[in-house]
Amino acid sequence: MTPESRIIELETRQAFQDDTLQALNDVVVEQGRVIDRLQLQMAELLKRYEEMVGQYGSEGEEAPPPHY
């Protein structure tokens, strides 16, 4: 293998690796956006849940009658 062909081979591999790294980075960035959106939705759901428990929670917290 000549030095020139080795350099071409290495440059080709580097180009493919650069493309792969960019694709992986794009996926990670998109997943970060999805995670952020899901965290906001989860916070909103927890807020709604706490509001509902505050409104209706006192009824469900009573102990069952002794004959149960």
PDB file of N, CA and C in Angstrom:
ATOM      1  N   MET A   1       0.856  -1.172   0.000  1.00  0.00           N
ATOM      2  CA  MET A   1       0.000   0.000   0.000  1.00  0.00           C
ATOM      3  C   MET A   1       0.901   1.235   0.000  1.00  0.00           C
ATOM      4  N   THR A   2       0.665   2.090  -0.930  1.00  0.00           N
ATOM      5  CA  THR A   2       1.501   3.286  -1.052  1.00  0.00           C
ATOM      6  C   THR A   2       1.064   4.319  -0.015  1.00  0.00           C
ATOM      7  N   PRO A   3       1.969   5.224   0.318  1.00  0.00           N
ATOM      8  CA  PRO A   3       1.608   6.268   1.285  1.00  0.00           C
ATOM      9  C   PRO A   3       0.420   7.112   0.808  1.00  0.00           C
ATOM     10  N   GLU A   4       0.361   7.369  -0.489  1.00  0.00           N
ATOM     11  CA  GLU A   4      -0.749   8.173  -1.008  1.00  0.00           C
ATOM     12  C   GLU A   4      -2.080   7.438  -0.850  1.00  0.00           C
ATOM     13  N   SER A   5      -2.111   6.144  -1.130  1.00  0.00           N
ATOM     14  CA  SER A   5      -3.357   5.382  -0.982  1.00  0.00           C
ATOM     15  C   SER A   5      -3.762   5.260   0.484  1.00  0.00           C
ATOM     16  N   ARG A   6      -2.763   5.182   1.369  1.00  0.00           N
ATOM     17  CA  ARG A   6      -3.066   5.134   2.806  1.00  0.00           C
ATOM     18  C   ARG A   6      -3.683   6.451   3.260  1.00  0.00           C
ATOM     19  N   ILE A   7      -3.158   7.549   2.769  1.00  0.00           N
ATOM     20  CA  ILE A   7      -3.710   8.861   3.132  1.00  0.00           C
ATOM     21  C   ILE A   7      -5.141   8.982   2.623  1.00  0.00           C
ATOM     22  N   ILE A   8      -5.374   8.545   1.391  1.00  0.00           N
ATOM     23  CA  ILE A   8      -6.732   8.594   0.836  1.00  0.00           C
ATOM     24  C   ILE A   8      -7.675   7.739   1.670  1.00  0.00           C
ATOM     25  N   GLU A   9      -7.221   6.550   2.050  1.00  0.00           N
ATOM     26  CA  GLU A   9      -8.033   5.654   2.888  1.00  0.00           C
ATOM     27  C   GLU A   9      -8.363   6.311   4.230  1.00  0.00           C
ATOM     28  N   LEU A  10      -7.368   6.918   4.847  1.00  0.00           N
ATOM     29  CA  LEU A  10      -7.582   7.575   6.139  1.00  0.00           C
ATOM     30  C   LEU A  10      -8.515   8.774   6.010  1.00  0.00           C
ATOM     31  N   GLU A  11      -8.353   9.553   4.956  1.00  0.00           N
ATOM     32  CA  GLU A  11      -9.241  10.696   4.743  1.00  0.00           C
ATOM     33  C   GLU A  11     -10.676  10.243   4.496  1.00  0.00           C
ATOM     34  N   THR A  12     -10.840   9.146   3.775  1.00  0.00           N
ATOM     35  CA  THR A  12     -12.175   8.600   3.520  1.00  0.00           C
ATOM     36  C   THR A  12     -12.819   8.144   4.819  1.00  0.00           C
ATOM     37  N   ARG A  13     -12.060   7.430   5.627  1.00  0.00           N
ATOM     38  CA  ARG A  13     -12.581   6.982   6.925  1.00  0.00           C
ATOM     39  C   ARG A  13     -12.960   8.167   7.809  1.00  0.00           C
ATOM     40  N   GLN A  14     -12.121   9.189   7.804  1.00  0.00           N
ATOM     41  CA  GLN A  14     -12.408  10.361   8.622  1.00  0.00           C
ATOM     42  C   GLN A  14     -13.690  11.042   8.146  1.00  0.00           C
ATOM     43  N   ALA A  15     -13.898  11.113   6.857  1.00  0.00           N
ATOM     44  CA  ALA A  15     -15.110  11.739   6.331  1.00  0.00           C
ATOM     45  C   ALA A  15     -16.345  10.967   6.779  1.00  0.00           C
ATOM     46  N   PHE A  16     -16.286   9.628   6.716  1.00  0.00           N
ATOM     47  CA  PHE A  16     -17.415   8.822   7.171  1.00  0.00           C
ATOM     48  C   PHE A  16     -17.640   8.984   8.668  1.00  0.00           C
ATOM     49  N   GLN A  17     -16.559   9.043   9.422  1.00  0.00           N
ATOM     50  CA  GLN A  17     -16.698   9.237  10.869  1.00  0.00           C
ATOM     51  C   GLN A  17     -17.281  10.603  11.191  1.00  0.00           C
ATOM     52  N   ASP A  18     -16.865  11.622  10.468  1.00  0.00           N
ATOM     53  CA  ASP A  18     -17.434  12.956  10.674  1.00  0.00           C
ATOM     54  C   ASP A  18     -18.933  12.956  10.397  1.00  0.00           C
ATOM     55  N   ASP A  19     -19.340  12.295   9.323  1.00  0.00           N
ATOM     56  CA  ASP A  19     -20.771  12.212   9.002  1.00  0.00           C
ATOM     57  C   ASP A  19     -21.530  11.459  10.093  1.00  0.00           C
ATOM     58  N   THR A  20     -20.958  10.382  10.572  1.00  0.00           N
ATOM     59  CA  THR A  20     -21.602   9.596  11.622  1.00  0.00           C
ATOM     60  C   THR A  20     -21.725  10.402  12.910  1.00  0.00           C
ATOM     61  N   LEU A  21     -20.667  11.109  13.274  1.00  0.00           N
ATOM     62  CA  LEU A  21     -20.705  11.934  14.481  1.00  0.00           C
ATOM     63  C   LEU A  21     -21.756  13.035  14.370  1.00  0.00           C
ATOM     64  N   GLN A  22     -21.863  13.638  13.204  1.00  0.00           N
ATOM     65  CA  GLN A  22     -22.870  14.684  13.010  1.00  0.00           C
ATOM     66  C   GLN A  22     -24.275  14.113  13.123  1.00  0.00           C
ATOM     67  N   ALA A  23     -24.491  12.928  12.535  1.00  0.00           N
ATOM     68  CA  ALA A  23     -25.803  12.289  12.623  1.00  0.00           C
ATOM     69  C   ALA A  23     -26.144  11.943  14.068  1.00  0.00           C
ATOM     70  N   LEU A  24     -25.175  11.414  14.794  1.00  0.00           N
ATOM     71  CA  LEU A  24     -25.399  11.089  16.202  1.00  0.00           C
ATOM     72  C   LEU A  24     -25.665  12.346  17.021  1.00  0.00           C
ATOM     73  N   ASN A  25     -24.945  13.405  16.744  1.00  0.00           N
ATOM     74  CA  ASN A  25     -25.164  14.661  17.443  1.00  0.00           C
ATOM     75  C   ASN A  25     -26.575  15.192  17.182  1.00  0.00           C
ATOM     76  N   ASP A  26     -27.028  15.090  15.943  1.00  0.00           N
ATOM     77  CA  ASP A  26     -28.380  15.537  15.617  1.00  0.00           C
ATOM     78  C   ASP A  26     -29.426  14.756  16.407  1.00  0.00           C
ATOM     79  N   VAL A  27     -29.194  13.452  16.551  1.00  0.00           N
ATOM     80  CA  VAL A  27     -30.124  12.618  17.315  1.00  0.00           C
ATOM     81  C   VAL A  27     -30.117  13.033  18.785  1.00  0.00           C
ATOM     82  N   VAL A  28     -28.947  13.262  19.335  1.00  0.00           N
ATOM     83  CA  VAL A  28     -28.843  13.657  20.746  1.00  0.00           C
ATOM     84  C   VAL A  28     -29.528  15.002  20.983  1.00  0.00           C
ATOM     85  N   VAL A  29     -29.339  15.936  20.076  1.00  0.00           N
ATOM     86  CA  VAL A  29     -29.978  17.251  20.215  1.00  0.00           C
ATOM     87  C   VAL A  29     -31.501  17.101  20.179  1.00  0.00           C
ATOM     88  N   GLU A  30     -32.005  16.304  19.241  1.00  0.00           N
ATOM     89  CA  GLU A  30     -33.458  16.096  19.144  1.00  0.00           C
ATOM     90  C   GLU A  30     -33.993  15.402  20.399  1.00  0.00           C
ATOM     91  N   GLN A  31     -33.260  14.425  20.911  1.00  0.00           N
ATOM     92  CA  GLN A  31     -33.690  13.755  22.135  1.00  0.00           C
ATOM     93  C   GLN A  31     -33.706  14.729  23.310  1.00  0.00           C
ATOM     94  N   GLY A  32     -32.755  15.639  23.354  1.00  0.00           N
ATOM     95  CA  GLY A  32     -32.749  16.655  24.404  1.00  0.00           C
ATOM     96  C   GLY A  32     -33.990  17.528  24.334  1.00  0.00           C
ATOM     97  N   ARG A  33     -34.377  17.881  23.115  1.00  0.00           N
ATOM     98  CA  ARG A  33     -35.600  18.688  22.957  1.00  0.00           C
ATOM     99  C   ARG A  33     -36.825  17.908  23.410  1.00  0.00           C
ATOM    100  N   VAL A  34     -36.878  16.630  23.056  1.00  0.00           N
ATOM    101  CA  VAL A  34     -38.016  15.799  23.461  1.00  0.00           C
ATOM    102  C   VAL A  34     -38.059  15.675  24.976  1.00  0.00           C
ATOM    103  N   ILE A  35     -36.914  15.460  25.590  1.00  0.00           N
ATOM    104  CA  ILE A  35     -36.856  15.340  27.056  1.00  0.00           C
ATOM    105  C   ILE A  35     -37.321  16.634  27.712  1.00  0.00           C
ATOM    106  N   ASP A  36     -36.873  17.767  27.194  1.00  0.00           N
ATOM    107  CA  ASP A  36     -37.316  19.053  27.756  1.00  0.00           C
ATOM    108  C   ASP A  36     -38.825  19.203  27.654  1.00  0.00           C
ATOM    109  N   ARG A  37     -39.380  18.846  26.493  1.00  0.00           N
ATOM    110  CA  ARG A  37     -40.825  18.958  26.289  1.00  0.00           C
ATOM    111  C   ARG A  37     -41.569  18.004  27.236  1.00  0.00           C
ATOM    112  N   LEU A  38     -41.068  16.804  27.399  1.00  0.00           N
ATOM    113  CA  LEU A  38     -41.710  15.843  28.300  1.00  0.00           C
ATOM    114  C   LEU A  38     -41.633  16.300  29.757  1.00  0.00           C
ATOM    115  N   GLN A  39     -40.528  16.921  30.135  1.00  0.00           N
ATOM    116  CA  GLN A  39     -40.411  17.422  31.502  1.00  0.00           C
ATOM    117  C   GLN A  39     -41.424  18.531  31.764  1.00  0.00           C
ATOM    118  N   LEU A  40     -41.621  19.392  30.790  1.00  0.00           N
ATOM    119  CA  LEU A  40     -42.628  20.442  30.949  1.00  0.00           C
ATOM    120  C   LEU A  40     -44.027  19.844  31.063  1.00  0.00           C
ATOM    121  N   GLN A  41     -44.316  18.846  30.237  1.00  0.00           N
ATOM    122  CA  GLN A  41     -45.627  18.201  30.298  1.00  0.00           C
ATOM    123  C   GLN A  41     -45.816  17.494  31.634  1.00  0.00           C
ATOM    124  N   MET A  42     -44.772  16.843  32.108  1.00  0.00           N
ATOM    125  CA  MET A  42     -44.862  16.140  33.389  1.00  0.00           C
ATOM    126  C   MET A  42     -45.093  17.127  34.529  1.00  0.00           C
ATOM    127  N   ALA A  43     -44.415  18.256  34.502  1.00  0.00           N
ATOM    128  CA  ALA A  43     -44.609  19.270  35.538  1.00  0.00           C
ATOM    129  C   ALA A  43     -46.047  19.783  35.515  1.00  0.00           C
ATOM    130  N   GLU A  44     -46.576  19.987  34.323  1.00  0.00           N
ATOM    131  CA  GLU A  44     -47.963  20.448  34.210  1.00  0.00           C
ATOM    132  C   GLU A  44     -48.933  19.394  34.737  1.00  0.00           C
ATOM    133  N   LEU A  45     -48.689  18.133  34.410  1.00  0.00           N
ATOM    134  CA  LEU A  45     -49.560  17.064  34.909  1.00  0.00           C
ATOM    135  C   LEU A  45     -49.495  16.948  36.428  1.00  0.00           C
ATOM    136  N   LEU A  46     -48.290  17.065  36.997  1.00  0.00           N
ATOM    137  CA  LEU A  46     -48.162  17.022  38.458  1.00  0.00           C
ATOM    138  C   LEU A  46     -48.893  18.180  39.110  1.00  0.00           C
ATOM    139  N   LYS A  47     -48.808  19.350  38.489  1.00  0.00           N
ATOM    140  CA  LYS A  47     -49.521  20.515  39.020  1.00  0.00           C
ATOM    141  C   LYS A  47     -51.023  20.269  39.007  1.00  0.00           C
ATOM    142  N   ARG A  48     -51.534  19.753  37.889  1.00  0.00           N
ATOM    143  CA  ARG A  48     -52.974  19.455  37.799  1.00  0.00           C
ATOM    144  C   ARG A  48     -53.377  18.386  38.811  1.00  0.00           C
ATOM    145  N   TYR A  49     -52.538  17.361  38.960  1.00  0.00           N
ATOM    146  CA  TYR A  49     -52.832  16.295  39.912  1.00  0.00           C
ATOM    147  C   TYR A  49     -52.915  16.849  41.340  1.00  0.00           C
ATOM    148  N   GLU A  50     -51.949  17.678  41.706  1.00  0.00           N
ATOM    149  CA  GLU A  50     -51.949  18.252  43.051  1.00  0.00           C
ATOM    150  C   GLU A  50     -53.169  19.133  43.275  1.00  0.00           C
ATOM    151  N   GLU A  51     -53.595  19.845  42.232  1.00  0.00           N
ATOM    152  CA  GLU A  51     -54.807  20.654  42.357  1.00  0.00           C
ATOM    153  C   GLU A  51     -56.027  19.766  42.569  1.00  0.00           C
ATOM    154  N   MET A  52     -56.090  18.655  41.836  1.00  0.00           N
ATOM    155  CA  MET A  52     -57.230  17.742  41.976  1.00  0.00           C
ATOM    156  C   MET A  52     -57.230  17.079  43.346  1.00  0.00           C
ATOM    157  N   VAL A  53     -56.059  16.685  43.822  1.00  0.00           N
ATOM    158  CA  VAL A  53     -55.980  16.067  45.141  1.00  0.00           C
ATOM    159  C   VAL A  53     -56.401  17.084  46.198  1.00  0.00           C
ATOM    160  N   GLY A  54     -56.030  18.333  46.015  1.00  0.00           N
ATOM    161  CA  GLY A  54     -56.421  19.372  46.957  1.00  0.00           C
ATOM    162  C   GLY A  54     -57.925  19.568  46.992  1.00  0.00           C
ATOM    163  N   GLN A  55     -58.581  19.392  45.850  1.00  0.00           N
ATOM    164  CA  GLN A  55     -60.027  19.575  45.790  1.00  0.00           C
ATOM    165  C   GLN A  55     -60.772  18.346  46.296  1.00  0.00           C
ATOM    166  N   TYR A  56     -60.301  17.171  45.927  1.00  0.00           N
ATOM    167  CA  TYR A  56     -61.041  15.949  46.231  1.00  0.00           C
ATOM    168  C   TYR A  56     -60.321  15.034  47.220  1.00  0.00           C
ATOM    169  N   GLY A  57     -59.124  15.410  47.628  1.00  0.00           N
ATOM    170  CA  GLY A  57     -58.310  14.543  48.466  1.00  0.00           C
ATOM    171  C   GLY A  57     -58.883  14.283  49.840  1.00  0.00           C
ATOM    172  N   SER A  58     -59.602  15.211  50.400  1.00  0.00           N
ATOM    173  CA  SER A  58     -60.101  15.024  51.761  1.00  0.00           C
ATOM    174  C   SER A  58     -61.122  13.906  51.826  1.00  0.00           C
ATOM    175  N   GLU A  59     -61.859  13.668  50.755  1.00  0.00           N
ATOM    176  CA  GLU A  59     -62.845  12.579  50.755  1.00  0.00           C
ATOM    177  C   GLU A  59     -62.162  11.219  50.732  1.00  0.00           C
ATOM    178  N   GLY A  60     -61.079  11.084  49.981  1.00  0.00           N
ATOM    179  CA  GLY A  60     -60.407   9.792  49.837  1.00  0.00           C
ATOM    180  C   GLY A  60     -59.498   9.458  50.983  1.00  0.00           C
ATOM    181  N   GLU A  61     -59.186  10.388  51.863  1.00  0.00           N
ATOM    182  CA  GLU A  61     -58.251  10.147  52.938  1.00  0.00           C
ATOM    183  C   GLU A  61     -58.931   9.621  54.208  1.00  0.00           C
ATOM    184  N   GLU A  62     -60.237   9.533  54.193  1.00  0.00           N
ATOM    185  CA  GLU A  62     -60.922   9.021  55.382  1.00  0.00           C
ATOM    186  C   GLU A  62     -60.626   7.540  55.551  1.00  0.00           C
ATOM    187  N   ALA A  63     -60.492   7.122  56.799  1.00  0.00           N
ATOM    188  CA  ALA A  63     -60.255   5.722  57.077  1.00  0.00           C
ATOM    189  C   ALA A  63     -61.557   4.938  56.819  1.00  0.00           C
ATOM    190  N   PRO A  64     -61.431   3.703  56.340  1.00  0.00           N
ATOM    191  CA  PRO A  64     -62.631   2.907  56.122  1.00  0.00           C
ATOM    192  C   PRO A  64     -63.302   2.556  57.444  1.00  0.00           C
ATOM    193  N   PRO A  65     -64.570   2.298  57.428  1.00  0.00           N
ATOM    194  CA  PRO A  65     -65.266   1.922  58.670  1.00  0.00           C
ATOM    195  C   PRO A  65     -64.644   0.653  59.256  1.00  0.00           C
ATOM    196  N   PRO A  66     -64.770   0.454  60.555  1.00  0.00           N
ATOM    197  CA  PRO A  66     -64.138  -0.689  61.222  1.00  0.00           C
ATOM    198  C   PRO A  66     -64.601  -2.051  60.702  1.00  0.00           C
ATOM    199  N   HIS A  67     -65.817  -2.153  60.156  1.00  0.00           N
ATOM    200  CA  HIS A  67     -66.290  -3.460  59.729  1.00  0.00           C
ATOM    201  C   HIS A  67     -65.670  -3.900  58.396  1.00  0.00           C
ATOM    202  N   TYR A  68     -64.805  -3.073  57.779  1.00  0.00           N
ATOM    203  CA  TYR A  68     -64.130  -3.478  56.540  1.00  0.00           C
ATOM    204  C   TYR A  68     -62.912  -4.189  56.904  1.00  0.00           C
TER     205      TYR A  68
END
